PDB file of N, CA and C in Angstrom:
ATOM      1  N   MET A   1      32.567  23.635  30.044  1.00  0.00           N
ATOM      2  CA  MET A   1      33.439  24.582  29.374  1.00  0.00           C
ATOM      3  C   MET A   1      32.769  25.014  28.065  1.00  0.00           C
ATOM      4  N   PRO A   2      32.440  26.294  27.947  1.00  0.00           N
ATOM      5  CA  PRO A   2      31.783  26.753  26.712  1.00  0.00           C
ATOM      6  C   PRO A   2      32.731  26.768  25.520  1.00  0.00           C
ATOM      7  N   ASP A   3      32.157  26.627  24.359  1.00  0.00           N
ATOM      8  CA  ASP A   3      32.881  26.746  23.108  1.00  0.00           C
ATOM      9  C   ASP A   3      32.690  28.178  22.615  1.00  0.00           C
ATOM     10  N   PHE A   4      33.661  28.712  21.888  1.00  0.00           N
ATOM     11  CA  PHE A   4      33.587  30.069  21.352  1.00  0.00           C
ATOM     12  C   PHE A   4      33.733  30.027  19.841  1.00  0.00           C
ATOM     13  N   LYS A   5      33.054  30.941  19.169  1.00  0.00           N
ATOM     14  CA  LYS A   5      33.161  31.076  17.712  1.00  0.00           C
ATOM     15  C   LYS A   5      33.425  32.531  17.382  1.00  0.00           C
ATOM     16  N   LYS A   6      34.278  32.733  16.386  1.00  0.00           N
ATOM     17  CA  LYS A   6      34.543  34.095  15.924  1.00  0.00           C
ATOM     18  C   LYS A   6      33.259  34.662  15.328  1.00  0.00           C
ATOM     19  N   ASP A   7      32.950  35.902  15.690  1.00  0.00           N
ATOM     20  CA  ASP A   7      31.725  36.546  15.204  1.00  0.00           C
ATOM     21  C   ASP A   7      31.957  38.052  15.114  1.00  0.00           C
ATOM     22  N   SER A   8      32.331  38.510  13.940  1.00  0.00           N
ATOM     23  CA  SER A   8      32.651  39.933  13.753  1.00  0.00           C
ATOM     24  C   SER A   8      31.411  40.822  13.811  1.00  0.00           C
ATOM     25  N   THR A   9      30.232  40.238  13.864  1.00  0.00           N
ATOM     26  CA  THR A   9      29.006  41.048  13.914  1.00  0.00           C
ATOM     27  C   THR A   9      28.481  41.222  15.345  1.00  0.00           C
ATOM     28  N   ALA A  10      29.098  40.549  16.312  1.00  0.00           N
ATOM     29  CA  ALA A  10      28.628  40.638  17.698  1.00  0.00           C
ATOM     30  C   ALA A  10      28.815  42.052  18.234  1.00  0.00           C
ATOM     31  N   VAL A  11      27.904  42.472  19.068  1.00  0.00           N
ATOM     32  CA  VAL A  11      27.969  43.796  19.689  1.00  0.00           C
ATOM     33  C   VAL A  11      28.905  43.729  20.887  1.00  0.00           C
ATOM     34  N   ILE A  12      29.959  44.537  20.846  1.00  0.00           N
ATOM     35  CA  ILE A  12      30.972  44.496  21.900  1.00  0.00           C
ATOM     36  C   ILE A  12      30.796  45.596  22.944  1.00  0.00           C
ATOM     37  N   THR A  13      29.791  46.429  22.784  1.00  0.00           N
ATOM     38  CA  THR A  13      29.545  47.513  23.722  1.00  0.00           C
ATOM     39  C   THR A  13      29.459  46.978  25.147  1.00  0.00           C
ATOM     40  N   GLY A  14      30.211  47.586  26.042  1.00  0.00           N
ATOM     41  CA  GLY A  14      30.188  47.197  27.445  1.00  0.00           C
ATOM     42  C   GLY A  14      31.244  46.177  27.833  1.00  0.00           C
ATOM     43  N   THR A  15      31.931  45.584  26.842  1.00  0.00           N
ATOM     44  CA  THR A  15      33.026  44.693  27.205  1.00  0.00           C
ATOM     45  C   THR A  15      34.190  45.551  27.681  1.00  0.00           C
ATOM     46  N   HIS A  16      35.004  44.994  28.555  1.00  0.00           N
ATOM     47  CA  HIS A  16      36.168  45.729  29.036  1.00  0.00           C
ATOM     48  C   HIS A  16      37.257  44.741  29.447  1.00  0.00           C
ATOM     49  N   PHE A  17      38.436  45.283  29.664  1.00  0.00           N
ATOM     50  CA  PHE A  17      39.636  44.500  29.959  1.00  0.00           C
ATOM     51  C   PHE A  17      39.461  43.624  31.203  1.00  0.00           C
ATOM     52  N   HIS A  18      39.884  42.348  31.046  1.00  0.00           N
ATOM     53  CA  HIS A  18      39.893  41.427  32.187  1.00  0.00           C
ATOM     54  C   HIS A  18      41.200  40.658  32.315  1.00  0.00           C
ATOM     55  N   ALA A  19      41.941  40.495  31.218  1.00  0.00           N
ATOM     56  CA  ALA A  19      43.134  39.652  31.280  1.00  0.00           C
ATOM     57  C   ALA A  19      44.026  39.943  30.076  1.00  0.00           C
ATOM     58  N   THR A  20      45.199  39.339  30.087  1.00  0.00           N
ATOM     59  CA  THR A  20      46.094  39.383  28.930  1.00  0.00           C
ATOM     60  C   THR A  20      46.468  37.947  28.567  1.00  0.00           C
ATOM     61  N   VAL A  21      46.912  37.787  27.335  1.00  0.00           N
ATOM     62  CA  VAL A  21      47.397  36.495  26.871  1.00  0.00           C
ATOM     63  C   VAL A  21      48.507  36.750  25.853  1.00  0.00           C
ATOM     64  N   GLU A  22      49.566  35.969  25.938  1.00  0.00           N
ATOM     65  CA  GLU A  22      50.670  36.059  24.993  1.00  0.00           C
ATOM     66  C   GLU A  22      50.374  35.161  23.795  1.00  0.00           C
ATOM     67  N   ALA A  23      50.423  35.746  22.612  1.00  0.00           N
ATOM     68  CA  ALA A  23      50.173  34.981  21.387  1.00  0.00           C
ATOM     69  C   ALA A  23      50.816  35.689  20.209  1.00  0.00           C
ATOM     70  N   SER A  24      51.192  34.937  19.220  1.00  0.00           N
ATOM     71  CA  SER A  24      51.730  35.501  17.988  1.00  0.00           C
ATOM     72  C   SER A  24      50.576  36.053  17.145  1.00  0.00           C
ATOM     73  N   PRO A  25      50.638  37.328  16.767  1.00  0.00           N
ATOM     74  CA  PRO A  25      49.584  37.868  15.909  1.00  0.00           C
ATOM     75  C   PRO A  25      49.418  37.062  14.618  1.00  0.00           C
ATOM     76  N   ALA A  26      50.530  36.683  13.993  1.00  0.00           N
ATOM     77  CA  ALA A  26      50.450  35.922  12.746  1.00  0.00           C
ATOM     78  C   ALA A  26      49.783  34.567  12.972  1.00  0.00           C
ATOM     79  N   ALA A  27      50.080  33.918  14.094  1.00  0.00           N
ATOM     80  CA  ALA A  27      49.465  32.625  14.394  1.00  0.00           C
ATOM     81  C   ALA A  27      47.962  32.773  14.634  1.00  0.00           C
ATOM     82  N   LEU A  28      47.555  33.848  15.314  1.00  0.00           N
ATOM     83  CA  LEU A  28      46.124  34.077  15.526  1.00  0.00           C
ATOM     84  C   LEU A  28      45.404  34.272  14.201  1.00  0.00           C
ATOM     85  N   ILE A  29      46.024  35.004  13.293  1.00  0.00           N
ATOM     86  CA  ILE A  29      45.422  35.236  11.979  1.00  0.00           C
ATOM     87  C   ILE A  29      45.331  33.925  11.201  1.00  0.00           C
ATOM     88  N   ASP A  30      46.368  33.095  11.297  1.00  0.00           N
ATOM     89  CA  ASP A  30      46.323  31.782  10.642  1.00  0.00           C
ATOM     90  C   ASP A  30      45.190  30.925  11.199  1.00  0.00           C
ATOM     91  N   LEU A  31      44.988  30.996  12.499  1.00  0.00           N
ATOM     92  CA  LEU A  31      43.995  30.165  13.164  1.00  0.00           C
ATOM     93  C   LEU A  31      42.566  30.682  12.996  1.00  0.00           C
ATOM     94  N   PHE A  32      42.389  32.026  13.134  1.00  0.00           N
ATOM     95  CA  PHE A  32      41.044  32.598  13.170  1.00  0.00           C
ATOM     96  C   PHE A  32      40.675  33.465  11.967  1.00  0.00           C
ATOM     97  N   GLY A  33      41.607  33.667  11.062  1.00  0.00           N
ATOM     98  CA  GLY A  33      41.335  34.541   9.924  1.00  0.00           C
ATOM     99  C   GLY A  33      41.638  35.992  10.265  1.00  0.00           C
ATOM    100  N   ALA A  34      41.341  36.852   9.334  1.00  0.00           N
ATOM    101  CA  ALA A  34      41.671  38.272   9.489  1.00  0.00           C
ATOM    102  C   ALA A  34      40.924  38.895  10.663  1.00  0.00           C
ATOM    103  N   PRO A  35      41.634  39.714  11.451  1.00  0.00           N
ATOM    104  CA  PRO A  35      40.963  40.424  12.532  1.00  0.00           C
ATOM    105  C   PRO A  35      40.247  41.657  11.995  1.00  0.00           C
ATOM    106  N   GLY A  36      39.371  42.200  12.812  1.00  0.00           N
ATOM    107  CA  GLY A  36      38.775  43.486  12.483  1.00  0.00           C
ATOM    108  C   GLY A  36      39.761  44.594  12.805  1.00  0.00           C
ATOM    109  N   ASN A  37      39.518  45.773  12.256  1.00  0.00           N
ATOM    110  CA  ASN A  37      40.419  46.903  12.481  1.00  0.00           C
ATOM    111  C   ASN A  37      40.134  47.662  13.768  1.00  0.00           C
ATOM    112  N   ALA A  38      39.079  47.317  14.453  1.00  0.00           N
ATOM    113  CA  ALA A  38      38.705  47.949  15.724  1.00  0.00           C
ATOM    114  C   ALA A  38      38.534  49.443  15.555  1.00  0.00           C
ATOM    115  N   ASP A  39      39.000  50.222  16.534  1.00  0.00           N
ATOM    116  CA  ASP A  39      38.761  51.665  16.477  1.00  0.00           C
ATOM    117  C   ASP A  39      39.783  52.403  15.620  1.00  0.00           C
ATOM    118  N   GLY A  40      40.841  51.714  15.176  1.00  0.00           N
ATOM    119  CA  GLY A  40      41.840  52.351  14.318  1.00  0.00           C
ATOM    120  C   GLY A  40      42.645  53.430  15.019  1.00  0.00           C
ATOM    121  N   HIS A  41      42.650  53.408  16.332  1.00  0.00           N
ATOM    122  CA  HIS A  41      43.412  54.383  17.099  1.00  0.00           C
ATOM    123  C   HIS A  41      44.151  53.663  18.232  1.00  0.00           C
ATOM    124  N   LYS A  42      43.464  53.335  19.300  1.00  0.00           N
ATOM    125  CA  LYS A  42      44.096  52.617  20.406  1.00  0.00           C
ATOM    126  C   LYS A  42      44.148  51.116  20.135  1.00  0.00           C
ATOM    127  N   VAL A  43      43.244  50.640  19.313  1.00  0.00           N
ATOM    128  CA  VAL A  43      43.178  49.221  18.966  1.00  0.00           C
ATOM    129  C   VAL A  43      43.257  49.101  17.448  1.00  0.00           C
ATOM    130  N   SER A  44      44.293  48.397  16.964  1.00  0.00           N
ATOM    131  CA  SER A  44      44.462  48.281  15.516  1.00  0.00           C
ATOM    132  C   SER A  44      43.991  46.942  14.966  1.00  0.00           C
ATOM    133  N   MET A  45      43.880  45.939  15.835  1.00  0.00           N
ATOM    134  CA  MET A  45      43.364  44.644  15.403  1.00  0.00           C
ATOM    135  C   MET A  45      42.588  44.008  16.546  1.00  0.00           C
ATOM    136  N   GLU A  46      41.453  43.398  16.177  1.00  0.00           N
ATOM    137  CA  GLU A  46      40.571  42.848  17.198  1.00  0.00           C
ATOM    138  C   GLU A  46      39.849  41.624  16.644  1.00  0.00           C
ATOM    139  N   PHE A  47      39.810  40.590  17.459  1.00  0.00           N
ATOM    140  CA  PHE A  47      39.023  39.403  17.162  1.00  0.00           C
ATOM    141  C   PHE A  47      37.845  39.406  18.134  1.00  0.00           C
ATOM    142  N   VAL A  48      36.669  39.133  17.637  1.00  0.00           N
ATOM    143  CA  VAL A  48      35.468  39.086  18.477  1.00  0.00           C
ATOM    144  C   VAL A  48      34.923  37.661  18.437  1.00  0.00           C
ATOM    145  N   PHE A  49      34.631  37.152  19.624  1.00  0.00           N
ATOM    146  CA  PHE A  49      34.122  35.796  19.766  1.00  0.00           C
ATOM    147  C   PHE A  49      32.844  35.826  20.591  1.00  0.00           C
ATOM    148  N   VAL A  50      31.998  34.817  20.361  1.00  0.00           N
ATOM    149  CA  VAL A  50      30.782  34.652  21.141  1.00  0.00           C
ATOM    150  C   VAL A  50      30.738  33.205  21.628  1.00  0.00           C
ATOM    151  N   SER A  51      30.422  33.052  22.910  1.00  0.00           N
ATOM    152  CA  SER A  51      30.309  31.696  23.463  1.00  0.00           C
ATOM    153  C   SER A  51      28.980  31.084  23.044  1.00  0.00           C
ATOM    154  N   GLU A  52      28.857  29.797  23.249  1.00  0.00           N
ATOM    155  CA  GLU A  52      27.591  29.127  22.938  1.00  0.00           C
ATOM    156  C   GLU A  52      26.462  29.631  23.831  1.00  0.00           C
ATOM    157  N   ASP A  53      26.824  30.316  24.938  1.00  0.00           N
ATOM    158  CA  ASP A  53      25.831  30.925  25.829  1.00  0.00           C
ATOM    159  C   ASP A  53      25.508  32.370  25.443  1.00  0.00           C
ATOM    160  N   GLY A  54      26.179  32.884  24.400  1.00  0.00           N
ATOM    161  CA  GLY A  54      25.932  34.241  23.935  1.00  0.00           C
ATOM    162  C   GLY A  54      26.807  35.310  24.567  1.00  0.00           C
ATOM    163  N   ASP A  55      27.799  34.903  25.368  1.00  0.00           N
ATOM    164  CA  ASP A  55      28.714  35.864  25.981  1.00  0.00           C
ATOM    165  C   ASP A  55      29.768  36.310  24.974  1.00  0.00           C
ATOM    166  N   VAL A  56      30.015  37.615  24.916  1.00  0.00           N
ATOM    167  CA  VAL A  56      30.944  38.201  23.947  1.00  0.00           C
ATOM    168  C   VAL A  56      32.322  38.398  24.584  1.00  0.00           C
ATOM    169  N   VAL A  57      33.355  38.080  23.805  1.00  0.00           N
ATOM    170  CA  VAL A  57      34.745  38.265  24.228  1.00  0.00           C
ATOM    171  C   VAL A  57      35.503  38.943  23.101  1.00  0.00           C
ATOM    172  N   THR A  58      36.393  39.864  23.469  1.00  0.00           N
ATOM    173  CA  THR A  58      37.257  40.500  22.480  1.00  0.00           C
ATOM    174  C   THR A  58      38.706  40.177  22.794  1.00  0.00           C
ATOM    175  N   LEU A  59      39.490  39.983  21.759  1.00  0.00           N
ATOM    176  CA  LEU A  59      40.924  39.743  21.856  1.00  0.00           C
ATOM    177  C   LEU A  59      41.571  40.816  21.003  1.00  0.00           C
ATOM    178  N   TYR A  60      42.374  41.697  21.604  1.00  0.00           N
ATOM    179  CA  TYR A  60      42.812  42.893  20.894  1.00  0.00           C
ATOM    180  C   TYR A  60      44.171  43.400  21.360  1.00  0.00           C
ATOM    181  N   ASP A  61      44.840  44.131  20.481  1.00  0.00           N
ATOM    182  CA  ASP A  61      46.048  44.844  20.881  1.00  0.00           C
ATOM    183  C   ASP A  61      45.616  46.146  21.555  1.00  0.00           C
ATOM    184  N   TRP A  62      46.493  46.744  22.329  1.00  0.00           N
ATOM    185  CA  TRP A  62      46.159  47.989  23.024  1.00  0.00           C
ATOM    186  C   TRP A  62      47.325  48.962  22.895  1.00  0.00           C
ATOM    187  N   LYS A  63      47.099  50.021  22.149  1.00  0.00           N
ATOM    188  CA  LYS A  63      48.100  51.078  21.968  1.00  0.00           C
ATOM    189  C   LYS A  63      49.437  50.515  21.479  1.00  0.00           C
ATOM    190  N   ALA A  64      49.367  49.562  20.544  1.00  0.00           N
ATOM    191  CA  ALA A  64      50.562  48.843  20.117  1.00  0.00           C
ATOM    192  C   ALA A  64      51.154  49.322  18.800  1.00  0.00           C
ATOM    193  N   THR A  65      50.436  50.152  18.054  1.00  0.00           N
ATOM    194  CA  THR A  65      50.926  50.549  16.738  1.00  0.00           C
ATOM    195  C   THR A  65      51.048  52.063  16.618  1.00  0.00           C
ATOM    196  N   ASP A  66      51.570  52.472  15.477  1.00  0.00           N
ATOM    197  CA  ASP A  66      51.758  53.900  15.219  1.00  0.00           C
ATOM    198  C   ASP A  66      50.435  54.652  15.054  1.00  0.00           C
ATOM    199  N   LEU A  67      49.321  53.929  15.004  1.00  0.00           N
ATOM    200  CA  LEU A  67      48.023  54.608  14.971  1.00  0.00           C
ATOM    201  C   LEU A  67      47.819  55.421  16.244  1.00  0.00           C
ATOM    202  N   TYR A  68      48.348  54.911  17.362  1.00  0.00           N
ATOM    203  CA  TYR A  68      48.221  55.609  18.640  1.00  0.00           C
ATOM    204  C   TYR A  68      49.405  56.543  18.879  1.00  0.00           C
ATOM    205  N   GLY A  69      50.555  56.210  18.358  1.00  0.00           N
ATOM    206  CA  GLY A  69      51.750  57.018  18.556  1.00  0.00           C
ATOM    207  C   GLY A  69      52.687  56.353  19.547  1.00  0.00           C
ATOM    208  N   GLY A  70      53.894  56.844  19.578  1.00  0.00           N
ATOM    209  CA  GLY A  70      54.873  56.336  20.524  1.00  0.00           C
ATOM    210  C   GLY A  70      55.562  55.055  20.095  1.00  0.00           C
ATOM    211  N   THR A  71      55.257  54.551  18.922  1.00  0.00           N
ATOM    212  CA  THR A  71      55.890  53.337  18.429  1.00  0.00           C
ATOM    213  C   THR A  71      56.042  53.439  16.913  1.00  0.00           C
ATOM    214  N   ARG A  72      56.985  52.709  16.397  1.00  0.00           N
ATOM    215  CA  ARG A  72      57.170  52.671  14.943  1.00  0.00           C
ATOM    216  C   ARG A  72      56.490  51.466  14.309  1.00  0.00           C
ATOM    217  N   THR A  73      55.868  50.649  15.114  1.00  0.00           N
ATOM    218  CA  THR A  73      55.201  49.445  14.611  1.00  0.00           C
ATOM    219  C   THR A  73      53.914  49.839  13.878  1.00  0.00           C
ATOM    220  N   THR A  74      53.819  49.425  12.634  1.00  0.00           N
ATOM    221  CA  THR A  74      52.598  49.686  11.867  1.00  0.00           C
ATOM    222  C   THR A  74      51.610  48.538  12.082  1.00  0.00           C
ATOM    223  N   ARG A  75      50.381  48.751  11.676  1.00  0.00           N
ATOM    224  CA  ARG A  75      49.366  47.707  11.757  1.00  0.00           C
ATOM    225  C   ARG A  75      49.821  46.471  10.973  1.00  0.00           C
ATOM    226  N   ALA A  76      50.357  46.689   9.783  1.00  0.00           N
ATOM    227  CA  ALA A  76      50.813  45.561   8.957  1.00  0.00           C
ATOM    228  C   ALA A  76      51.960  44.816   9.634  1.00  0.00           C
ATOM    229  N   MET A  77      52.880  45.531  10.242  1.00  0.00           N
ATOM    230  CA  MET A  77      54.000  44.890  10.942  1.00  0.00           C
ATOM    231  C   MET A  77      53.495  44.032  12.103  1.00  0.00           C
ATOM    232  N   LEU A  78      52.563  44.553  12.858  1.00  0.00           N
ATOM    233  CA  LEU A  78      52.022  43.796  13.993  1.00  0.00           C
ATOM    234  C   LEU A  78      51.352  42.514  13.505  1.00  0.00           C
ATOM    235  N   ARG A  79      50.591  42.602  12.440  1.00  0.00           N
ATOM    236  CA  ARG A  79      49.872  41.424  11.932  1.00  0.00           C
ATOM    237  C   ARG A  79      50.807  40.344  11.395  1.00  0.00           C
ATOM    238  N   ARG A  80      52.000  40.729  10.958  1.00  0.00           N
ATOM    239  CA  ARG A  80      52.983  39.750  10.457  1.00  0.00           C
ATOM    240  C   ARG A  80      53.841  39.161  11.564  1.00  0.00           C
ATOM    241  N   GLN A  81      53.800  39.743  12.740  1.00  0.00           N
ATOM    242  CA  GLN A  81      54.696  39.356  13.830  1.00  0.00           C
ATOM    243  C   GLN A  81      54.470  37.904  14.244  1.00  0.00           C
ATOM    244  N   THR A  82      55.574  37.143  14.316  1.00  0.00           N
ATOM    245  CA  THR A  82      55.490  35.739  14.699  1.00  0.00           C
ATOM    246  C   THR A  82      55.892  35.492  16.148  1.00  0.00           C
ATOM    247  N   LYS A  83      56.540  36.446  16.771  1.00  0.00           N
ATOM    248  CA  LYS A  83      56.909  36.274  18.180  1.00  0.00           C
ATOM    249  C   LYS A  83      55.702  36.620  19.065  1.00  0.00           C
ATOM    250  N   PRO A  84      55.679  36.109  20.280  1.00  0.00           N
ATOM    251  CA  PRO A  84      54.543  36.383  21.168  1.00  0.00           C
ATOM    252  C   PRO A  84      54.361  37.877  21.435  1.00  0.00           C
ATOM    253  N   PHE A  85      53.115  38.237  21.557  1.00  0.00           N
ATOM    254  CA  PHE A  85      52.705  39.616  21.805  1.00  0.00           C
ATOM    255  C   PHE A  85      51.615  39.578  22.880  1.00  0.00           C
ATOM    256  N   GLU A  86      51.573  40.588  23.724  1.00  0.00           N
ATOM    257  CA  GLU A  86      50.570  40.611  24.789  1.00  0.00           C
ATOM    258  C   GLU A  86      49.256  41.212  24.292  1.00  0.00           C
ATOM    259  N   PHE A  87      48.266  40.339  24.106  1.00  0.00           N
ATOM    260  CA  PHE A  87      46.932  40.775  23.720  1.00  0.00           C
ATOM    261  C   PHE A  87      46.069  40.959  24.971  1.00  0.00           C
ATOM    262  N   HIS A  88      45.110  41.854  24.883  1.00  0.00           N
ATOM    263  CA  HIS A  88      44.134  42.052  25.951  1.00  0.00           C
ATOM    264  C   HIS A  88      42.898  41.215  25.658  1.00  0.00           C
ATOM    265  N   VAL A  89      42.254  40.778  26.721  1.00  0.00           N
ATOM    266  CA  VAL A  89      41.007  40.023  26.619  1.00  0.00           C
ATOM    267  C   VAL A  89      39.927  40.857  27.303  1.00  0.00           C
ATOM    268  N   GLY A  90      38.883  41.158  26.561  1.00  0.00           N
ATOM    269  CA  GLY A  90      37.772  41.926  27.111  1.00  0.00           C
ATOM    270  C   GLY A  90      36.510  41.081  27.120  1.00  0.00           C
ATOM    271  N   ALA A  91      35.664  41.332  28.100  1.00  0.00           N
ATOM    272  CA  ALA A  91      34.388  40.621  28.217  1.00  0.00           C
ATOM    273  C   ALA A  91      33.482  41.425  29.136  1.00  0.00           C
ATOM    274  N   HIS A  92      32.243  41.019  29.228  1.00  0.00           N
ATOM    275  CA  HIS A  92      31.332  41.654  30.180  1.00  0.00           C
ATOM    276  C   HIS A  92      31.591  41.151  31.598  1.00  0.00           C
ATOM    277  N   LYS A  93      31.965  39.870  31.709  1.00  0.00           N
ATOM    278  CA  LYS A  93      32.144  39.236  33.019  1.00  0.00           C
ATOM    279  C   LYS A  93      33.523  38.578  33.092  1.00  0.00           C
ATOM    280  N   PRO A  94      34.168  38.644  34.247  1.00  0.00           N
ATOM    281  CA  PRO A  94      35.494  38.019  34.368  1.00  0.00           C
ATOM    282  C   PRO A  94      35.468  36.513  34.128  1.00  0.00           C
ATOM    283  N   GLU A  95      34.386  35.843  34.514  1.00  0.00           N
ATOM    284  CA  GLU A  95      34.336  34.390  34.317  1.00  0.00           C
ATOM    285  C   GLU A  95      34.270  34.029  32.828  1.00  0.00           C
ATOM    286  N   THR A  96      33.724  34.917  32.013  1.00  0.00           N
ATOM    287  CA  THR A  96      33.718  34.678  30.572  1.00  0.00           C
ATOM    288  C   THR A  96      35.133  34.769  30.024  1.00  0.00           C
ATOM    289  N   ALA A  97      35.886  35.772  30.489  1.00  0.00           N
ATOM    290  CA  ALA A  97      37.280  35.916  30.060  1.00  0.00           C
ATOM    291  C   ALA A  97      38.099  34.705  30.476  1.00  0.00           C
ATOM    292  N   THR A  98      37.886  34.216  31.674  1.00  0.00           N
ATOM    293  CA  THR A  98      38.604  33.034  32.158  1.00  0.00           C
ATOM    294  C   THR A  98      38.277  31.808  31.315  1.00  0.00           C
ATOM    295  N   ALA A  99      37.004  31.613  31.018  1.00  0.00           N
ATOM    296  CA  ALA A  99      36.596  30.482  30.170  1.00  0.00           C
ATOM    297  C   ALA A  99      37.207  30.608  28.778  1.00  0.00           C
ATOM    298  N   PHE A 100      37.266  31.831  28.256  1.00  0.00           N
ATOM    299  CA  PHE A 100      37.843  32.057  26.939  1.00  0.00           C
ATOM    300  C   PHE A 100      39.336  31.714  26.935  1.00  0.00           C
ATOM    301  N   LEU A 101      40.059  32.110  27.969  1.00  0.00           N
ATOM    302  CA  LEU A 101      41.488  31.796  28.045  1.00  0.00           C
ATOM    303  C   LEU A 101      41.718  30.288  28.067  1.00  0.00           C
ATOM    304  N   THR A 102      40.879  29.564  28.778  1.00  0.00           N
ATOM    305  CA  THR A 102      40.968  28.101  28.804  1.00  0.00           C
ATOM    306  C   THR A 102      40.694  27.539  27.403  1.00  0.00           C
ATOM    307  N   TRP A 103      39.688  28.075  26.742  1.00  0.00           N
ATOM    308  CA  TRP A 103      39.353  27.644  25.383  1.00  0.00           C
ATOM    309  C   TRP A 103      40.506  27.944  24.421  1.00  0.00           C
ATOM    310  N   LEU A 104      41.117  29.127  24.553  1.00  0.00           N
ATOM    311  CA  LEU A 104      42.260  29.481  23.684  1.00  0.00           C
ATOM    312  C   LEU A 104      43.383  28.460  23.827  1.00  0.00           C
ATOM    313  N   LYS A 105      43.669  28.057  25.050  1.00  0.00           N
ATOM    314  CA  LYS A 105      44.722  27.073  25.265  1.00  0.00           C
ATOM    315  C   LYS A 105      44.404  25.764  24.539  1.00  0.00           C
ATOM    316  N   LYS A 106      43.139  25.367  24.542  1.00  0.00           N
ATOM    317  CA  LYS A 106      42.726  24.158  23.823  1.00  0.00           C
ATOM    318  C   LYS A 106      42.891  24.324  22.310  1.00  0.00           C
ATOM    319  N   GLN A 107      42.892  25.560  21.842  1.00  0.00           N
ATOM    320  CA  GLN A 107      43.104  25.834  20.416  1.00  0.00           C
ATOM    321  C   GLN A 107      44.586  25.898  20.071  1.00  0.00           C
ATOM    322  N   GLY A 108      45.442  25.757  21.073  1.00  0.00           N
ATOM    323  CA  GLY A 108      46.887  25.809  20.858  1.00  0.00           C
ATOM    324  C   GLY A 108      47.468  27.206  20.978  1.00  0.00           C
ATOM    325  N   VAL A 109      46.690  28.130  21.512  1.00  0.00           N
ATOM    326  CA  VAL A 109      47.149  29.508  21.703  1.00  0.00           C
ATOM    327  C   VAL A 109      47.566  29.663  23.155  1.00  0.00           C
ATOM    328  N   ALA A 110      48.667  30.332  23.367  1.00  0.00           N
ATOM    329  CA  ALA A 110      49.181  30.657  24.724  1.00  0.00           C
ATOM    330  C   ALA A 110      49.908  29.527  25.380  1.00  0.00           C
TER     331      ALA A 110
END
């Protein structure tokens, strides 16, 4: 089982959706620190992780805030939210996303 570390400098190009996970945005911030702002449109907060094997994983909201429209939830409101929220998990390979979800559970997430 690979270990993952937060790495905001990792190149995420080519990662794409593989899974979802329910987690409190506020709890994720407490555990992993401040997220990146991502594209500031469809994604308002994003955590980037790299496995010990160099595989990149992203954990992000998708069209969840008023940056995209259709909701009154602001980026700040989402980041303060303590109830579970459905985050997307992106990776290059599905097995990386699966390993990441297992690792998240060991961190007390989900």
